[in-house]
Amino acid sequence: MAGRVTLQHRVEYAAFRAALVVLRLLPERWALGLGGALGWLAGAVLRVRRDVADENLARAFPDRDRAWRDRVALASYRNLGREGVASFLFSEDSAVRVMERTPDPAGGERLLAALAAGRGAVLITGHFGNWEMAGAAAAARGVALDAVAVRQGNRLIDDELVRNRARLGISIIRRGDAPIQVIRTLRAGRVAGLVADQDARRGGVFVDFLGTPAATARGPALFALRAEAPLFLGSCIAMEGRPGRYLCEVEEITFDRTGHLDEDVRRLTAAHARALAQRVRRHPEHYFWQHRRWRTAPPERAETGPFEEPDEALEV
């Protein structure tokens, strides 16, 4: 039953709160280091999804040797563990503290200018760096952000995540409501935030990502085009040697329009996938290689068929 709190949920939530208490008793650098060590353990010893990470890295970087890919894979696990801890550890940070952690996001002025002109905007990110911090950095600077999010299986934990985001000014749109609510957000001059690099199955559009066609959600591009709103790619990655500080970057995604909706959706989707791929190539250790990004193979023919409204193809 949706929304029902079970005994297991209460036990999980109690463990979650206890872990937060312990982490917050530690010096921040130690807590983040512990997260990194747990991530290394998952990748090097337990080998959780290590086969997926190795396959993805071989696909994306066929010109690199195995030793290099192994180093990147383990760095990815360490970063994933560290940023998983960071996301919970920093979840109660004030807006001022978030801004201290994310000084001077590069390109952020373009997003703020679009909003100052009374336009809404689509802000996408990927499983790159700390995607929770990317949204927090925008909201902390006064950006009215409505983020599309999947409801967590444990309602107690989900409610806490919603409360923490609300404190920074982030409202939540549930995935099932996104086709209608995102358009309302944009037409109200607000920002719609989405994670846009998950495998979108057969409902997606196939565009190049790191050298291989990948099923990618049409939703972000479709929303931007329907609302005549600009689309931006944002990301935050941890600064080298400065735990708890992030290098954030915002980039407006542009493309050549044709005037045909389905083709323009494909072109805009390809453009934002290409922009994310460029960041991943610069900092591959910060990408979530454990995701089966290329799980869905493209059809044999080049075209993906007639354009349809996104539904479950919208993965966030």
Protein backbone atom coordinates (compact mmCIF):
# COMPACT_ATOMS: atom_id res chain seq x y z
CA MET A 1 0.00 0.00 0.00
CA ALA A 2 1.45 3.36 -1.10
CA GLY A 3 2.48 5.58 1.77
CA ARG A 4 2.01 2.91 4.45
CA VAL A 5 4.63 2.97 7.21
CA THR A 6 5.71 -0.51 8.25
CA LEU A 7 7.80 -1.72 11.16
CA GLN A 8 10.70 -2.21 8.77
CA HIS A 9 10.38 1.43 7.68
CA ARG A 10 10.54 2.57 11.30
CA VAL A 11 13.63 0.46 11.96
CA GLU A 12 15.29 1.80 8.79
CA TYR A 13 14.46 5.36 9.76
CA ALA A 14 15.81 4.87 13.29
CA ALA A 15 19.05 3.48 11.83
CA PHE A 16 19.22 6.38 9.40
CA ARG A 17 18.81 8.94 12.21
CA ALA A 18 21.35 7.13 14.39
CA ALA A 19 23.89 7.11 11.56
CA LEU A 20 23.40 10.86 11.09
CA VAL A 21 23.99 11.48 14.80
CA VAL A 22 27.24 9.50 14.67
CA LEU A 23 28.42 11.23 11.50
CA ARG A 24 27.70 14.66 12.95
CA LEU A 25 29.70 13.86 16.05
CA LEU A 26 32.76 13.30 13.87
CA PRO A 27 34.86 16.11 12.40
CA GLU A 28 33.47 16.78 8.92
CA ARG A 29 36.66 15.67 7.18
CA TRP A 30 36.57 12.36 9.08
CA ALA A 31 32.93 11.73 8.25
CA LEU A 32 33.53 12.35 4.55
CA GLY A 33 36.64 10.18 4.68
CA LEU A 34 34.60 7.39 6.23
CA GLY A 35 32.10 7.66 3.38
CA GLY A 36 34.93 7.43 0.87
CA ALA A 37 36.35 4.36 2.61
CA LEU A 38 32.94 2.66 2.54
CA GLY A 39 32.65 3.44 -1.16
CA TRP A 40 36.10 1.94 -1.80
CA LEU A 41 35.06 -1.16 0.15
CA ALA A 42 31.93 -1.54 -1.99
CA GLY A 43 33.93 -1.29 -5.21
CA ALA A 44 37.21 -3.05 -4.38
CA VAL A 45 36.17 -5.79 -1.96
CA LEU A 46 32.41 -6.35 -2.16
CA ARG A 47 32.45 -5.42 -5.87
CA VAL A 48 28.89 -4.07 -5.79
CA ARG A 49 27.94 -3.52 -9.44
CA ARG A 50 31.63 -3.55 -10.28
CA ASP A 51 30.94 -5.50 -13.46
CA VAL A 52 28.57 -2.74 -14.59
CA ALA A 53 31.11 -0.01 -13.81
CA ASP A 54 33.91 -1.86 -15.61
CA GLU A 55 31.76 -2.49 -18.68
CA ASN A 56 30.63 1.15 -18.83
CA LEU A 57 34.16 2.49 -18.52
CA ALA A 58 35.42 0.14 -21.24
CA ARG A 59 32.61 1.34 -23.50
CA ALA A 60 33.21 5.04 -22.81
CA PHE A 61 37.03 4.90 -22.83
CA PRO A 62 38.08 2.06 -25.17
CA ASP A 63 41.41 3.78 -25.84
CA ARG A 64 42.43 3.67 -22.16
CA ASP A 65 44.17 0.69 -20.61
CA ARG A 66 42.70 -1.53 -17.92
CA ALA A 67 44.86 -0.06 -15.14
CA TRP A 68 43.59 3.47 -15.86
CA ARG A 69 39.97 2.31 -15.93
CA ASP A 70 40.45 0.43 -12.65
CA ARG A 71 41.77 3.59 -11.01
CA VAL A 72 38.82 5.61 -12.29
CA ALA A 73 36.34 2.95 -11.17
CA LEU A 74 37.70 2.89 -7.61
CA ALA A 75 37.80 6.69 -7.50
CA SER A 76 34.16 6.70 -8.62
CA TYR A 77 33.21 4.37 -5.76
CA ARG A 78 35.09 6.52 -3.26
CA ASN A 79 33.39 9.66 -4.54
CA LEU A 80 30.00 7.98 -4.49
CA GLY A 81 30.47 6.93 -0.86
CA ARG A 82 31.78 10.32 0.18
CA GLU A 83 29.05 12.29 -1.59
CA GLY A 84 26.36 9.95 -0.30
CA VAL A 85 27.48 10.81 3.23
CA ALA A 86 27.81 14.49 2.28
CA SER A 87 24.26 14.67 0.94
CA PHE A 88 22.84 13.53 4.28
CA LEU A 89 25.44 15.30 6.41
CA PHE A 90 24.81 18.65 4.72
CA SER A 91 21.04 18.21 4.40
CA GLU A 92 20.33 20.63 7.25
CA ASP A 93 22.76 23.31 6.08
CA SER A 94 21.43 26.85 5.89
CA ALA A 95 21.38 28.74 2.59
CA VAL A 96 24.40 30.73 3.76
CA ARG A 97 26.33 27.54 4.51
CA VAL A 98 25.40 26.05 1.12
CA MET A 99 26.74 29.16 -0.61
CA GLU A 100 29.98 28.86 1.36
CA ARG A 101 30.32 25.30 0.12
CA THR A 102 29.62 26.28 -3.51
CA PRO A 103 31.47 29.58 -4.12
CA ASP A 104 30.83 31.48 -7.36
CA PRO A 105 29.17 28.89 -9.63
CA ALA A 106 30.56 29.41 -13.13
CA GLY A 107 27.82 30.52 -15.54
CA GLY A 108 25.21 30.98 -12.83
CA GLU A 109 24.62 34.58 -13.88
CA ARG A 110 23.01 33.38 -17.13
CA LEU A 111 20.40 31.42 -15.22
CA LEU A 112 19.73 34.31 -12.85
CA ALA A 113 19.40 36.70 -15.80
CA ALA A 114 16.81 34.46 -17.46
CA LEU A 115 14.78 34.41 -14.25
CA ALA A 116 15.13 38.16 -13.74
CA ALA A 117 13.59 38.61 -17.18
CA GLY A 118 10.51 36.75 -15.95
CA ARG A 119 11.24 33.53 -17.80
CA GLY A 120 11.12 30.07 -16.35
CA ALA A 121 13.98 27.66 -17.01
CA VAL A 122 14.71 23.95 -17.07
CA LEU A 123 17.77 23.06 -14.98
CA ILE A 124 19.03 19.55 -15.57
CA THR A 125 21.86 17.63 -14.01
CA GLY A 126 23.27 14.13 -14.26
CA HIS A 127 24.65 11.48 -11.93
CA PHE A 128 27.86 13.43 -11.83
CA GLY A 129 29.48 14.81 -8.70
CA ASN A 130 26.92 15.70 -6.04
CA TRP A 131 23.62 16.23 -7.85
CA GLU A 132 21.81 17.07 -4.59
CA MET A 133 24.28 19.91 -4.01
CA ALA A 134 23.66 21.21 -7.55
CA GLY A 135 20.01 21.85 -6.70
CA ALA A 136 20.84 23.21 -3.25
CA ALA A 137 23.38 25.66 -4.70
CA ALA A 138 20.73 27.12 -7.01
CA ALA A 139 18.01 27.31 -4.35
CA ALA A 140 20.36 28.89 -1.80
CA ARG A 141 20.87 31.78 -4.22
CA GLY A 142 17.18 32.53 -4.41
CA VAL A 143 16.29 30.42 -7.43
CA ALA A 144 12.65 29.28 -7.14
CA LEU A 145 13.23 25.60 -7.84
CA ASP A 146 10.71 22.79 -8.26
CA ALA A 147 12.59 19.49 -8.48
CA VAL A 148 11.13 16.35 -10.04
CA ALA A 149 11.79 13.46 -7.67
CA VAL A 150 10.79 9.83 -7.28
CA ARG A 151 9.11 9.04 -3.97
CA GLN A 152 11.33 6.94 -1.70
CA GLY A 153 10.00 3.55 -0.64
CA ASN A 154 10.33 4.52 3.03
CA ARG A 155 7.87 7.36 3.61
CA LEU A 156 9.59 8.49 6.81
CA ILE A 157 12.89 9.04 5.03
CA ASP A 158 11.10 10.57 2.05
CA ASP A 159 9.29 13.06 4.31
CA GLU A 160 12.59 14.11 5.85
CA LEU A 161 14.17 14.66 2.45
CA VAL A 162 11.20 16.80 1.42
CA ARG A 163 11.47 18.86 4.62
CA ASN A 164 15.19 19.41 4.16
CA ARG A 165 14.72 20.53 0.57
CA ALA A 166 11.84 22.81 1.53
CA ARG A 167 14.03 24.65 4.02
CA LEU A 168 16.22 25.75 1.11
CA GLY A 169 13.19 26.66 -0.98
CA ILE A 170 13.07 23.53 -3.14
CA SER A 171 9.56 22.22 -3.83
CA ILE A 172 9.03 18.66 -5.02
CA ILE A 173 7.13 17.51 -8.10
CA ARG A 174 6.42 13.80 -8.14
CA ARG A 175 7.30 11.99 -11.35
CA GLY A 176 3.73 11.04 -12.14
CA ASP A 177 2.66 14.69 -11.91
CA ALA A 178 5.57 16.04 -13.94
CA PRO A 179 3.94 16.29 -17.42
CA ILE A 180 1.47 18.87 -16.07
CA GLN A 181 3.25 20.40 -13.09
CA VAL A 182 6.56 21.13 -14.83
CA ILE A 183 4.81 23.22 -17.49
CA ARG A 184 2.99 25.14 -14.75
CA THR A 185 6.32 25.72 -12.99
CA LEU A 186 7.90 27.14 -16.13
CA ARG A 187 4.97 29.34 -17.03
CA ALA A 188 5.05 30.74 -13.49
CA GLY A 189 8.64 31.87 -14.06
CA ARG A 190 10.17 29.24 -11.80
CA VAL A 191 12.88 26.65 -12.46
CA ALA A 192 12.14 22.96 -13.02
CA GLY A 193 14.98 20.70 -11.89
CA LEU A 194 15.46 17.22 -13.36
CA VAL A 195 18.10 14.49 -13.42
CA ALA A 196 18.39 13.69 -17.11
CA ASP A 197 20.88 10.87 -17.66
CA GLN A 198 19.08 7.70 -16.66
CA ASP A 199 18.21 4.94 -19.10
CA ALA A 200 14.79 5.92 -20.46
CA ARG A 201 13.98 2.54 -22.00
CA ARG A 202 11.99 2.44 -25.25
CA GLY A 203 10.14 5.65 -24.41
CA GLY A 204 13.30 7.71 -24.73
CA VAL A 205 15.11 9.20 -27.68
CA PHE A 206 18.44 7.64 -28.65
CA VAL A 207 21.27 10.16 -28.70
CA ASP A 208 25.03 9.78 -28.43
CA PHE A 209 26.47 9.67 -24.93
CA LEU A 210 30.19 9.04 -24.61
CA GLY A 211 30.34 7.38 -28.00
CA THR A 212 27.31 5.07 -27.77
CA PRO A 213 23.60 5.74 -28.46
CA ALA A 214 21.75 5.94 -25.13
CA ALA A 215 18.00 5.99 -24.45
CA THR A 216 17.51 9.45 -22.96
CA ALA A 217 14.36 11.01 -21.50
CA ARG A 218 12.58 13.39 -23.85
CA GLY A 219 10.93 15.24 -20.99
CA PRO A 220 13.52 17.99 -20.23
CA ALA A 221 13.78 19.08 -23.88
CA LEU A 222 10.04 18.79 -24.47
CA PHE A 223 9.21 20.89 -21.41
CA ALA A 224 11.68 23.60 -22.42
CA LEU A 225 10.36 23.74 -25.97
CA ARG A 226 6.69 23.67 -25.00
CA ALA A 227 7.15 26.49 -22.46
CA GLU A 228 9.65 28.37 -24.64
CA ALA A 229 12.06 28.29 -21.69
CA PRO A 230 15.86 28.02 -21.78
CA LEU A 231 17.50 24.77 -20.70
CA PHE A 232 20.60 24.76 -18.49
CA LEU A 233 22.96 22.00 -17.39
CA GLY A 234 24.26 22.30 -13.83
CA SER A 235 26.74 20.22 -11.85
CA CYS A 236 28.81 20.36 -8.68
CA ILE A 237 31.93 18.26 -8.10
CA ALA A 238 34.03 18.11 -4.94
CA MET A 239 37.13 20.29 -4.99
CA GLU A 240 40.40 18.41 -4.84
CA GLY A 241 41.84 18.58 -1.33
CA ARG A 242 38.95 20.65 0.02
CA PRO A 243 36.34 18.28 1.51
CA GLY A 244 32.89 19.84 1.72
CA ARG A 245 33.61 22.45 -0.98
CA TYR A 246 32.32 22.19 -4.54
CA LEU A 247 33.17 23.47 -7.98
CA CYS A 248 29.83 24.24 -9.62
CA GLU A 249 29.16 24.99 -13.27
CA VAL A 250 26.00 26.13 -15.08
CA GLU A 251 25.76 26.16 -18.87
CA GLU A 252 22.90 27.17 -21.14
CA ILE A 253 22.29 24.50 -23.77
CA THR A 254 21.62 25.82 -27.26
CA PHE A 255 20.96 24.11 -30.59
CA ASP A 256 19.80 24.83 -34.15
CA ARG A 257 16.00 24.72 -34.31
CA THR A 258 14.07 23.22 -37.21
CA GLY A 259 10.54 24.16 -36.19
CA HIS A 260 9.51 20.49 -36.00
CA LEU A 261 8.84 19.46 -32.41
CA ASP A 262 10.06 15.88 -32.53
CA GLU A 263 13.28 16.80 -34.33
CA ASP A 264 13.92 19.75 -32.03
CA VAL A 265 13.40 17.51 -28.98
CA ARG A 266 15.97 15.11 -30.40
CA ARG A 267 18.45 17.91 -31.15
CA LEU A 268 18.11 19.57 -27.74
CA THR A 269 18.39 16.19 -26.00
CA ALA A 270 21.52 15.38 -28.01
CA ALA A 271 22.98 18.78 -27.11
CA HIS A 272 22.54 18.41 -23.36
CA ALA A 273 23.79 14.80 -23.45
CA ARG A 274 26.88 16.02 -25.31
CA ALA A 275 27.49 18.80 -22.76
CA LEU A 276 27.27 16.33 -19.87
CA ALA A 277 29.58 13.91 -21.67
CA GLN A 278 32.18 16.67 -22.00
CA ARG A 279 32.16 17.17 -18.23
CA VAL A 280 32.39 13.44 -17.62
CA ARG A 281 35.39 13.16 -19.92
CA ARG A 282 37.13 15.93 -17.97
CA HIS A 283 36.38 14.35 -14.60
CA PRO A 284 35.46 10.67 -15.15
CA GLU A 285 36.08 9.76 -11.50
CA HIS A 286 33.05 11.86 -10.51
CA TYR A 287 30.54 9.97 -12.69
CA PHE A 288 28.14 7.28 -11.47
CA TRP A 289 29.43 4.41 -13.62
CA GLN A 290 27.43 1.89 -11.60
CA HIS A 291 24.25 2.84 -13.48
CA ARG A 292 23.27 0.70 -16.48
CA ARG A 293 23.20 3.75 -18.74
CA TRP A 294 23.21 1.77 -21.99
CA ARG A 295 20.89 -1.01 -20.85
CA THR A 296 18.39 -0.32 -23.66
CA ALA A 297 19.74 -1.01 -27.13
CA PRO A 298 18.60 1.28 -29.96
CA PRO A 299 16.33 -0.07 -32.69
CA GLU A 300 17.99 -1.11 -35.93
CA ARG A 301 16.49 1.74 -37.90
CA ALA A 302 17.85 5.23 -37.39
CA GLU A 303 14.56 6.89 -36.57
CA THR A 304 12.84 6.33 -33.23
CA GLY A 305 9.32 6.55 -34.61
CA PRO A 306 6.55 9.13 -34.28
CA PHE A 307 6.77 11.60 -31.43
CA GLU A 308 4.74 10.79 -28.34
CA GLU A 309 4.15 12.57 -25.04
CA PRO A 310 6.58 11.42 -22.31
CA ASP A 311 5.14 9.31 -19.55
CA GLU A 312 7.21 6.65 -17.86
CA ALA A 313 10.03 7.63 -20.19
CA LEU A 314 10.67 10.57 -17.88
CA GLU A 315 13.32 9.22 -15.52
CA VAL A 316 14.31 11.46 -12.64
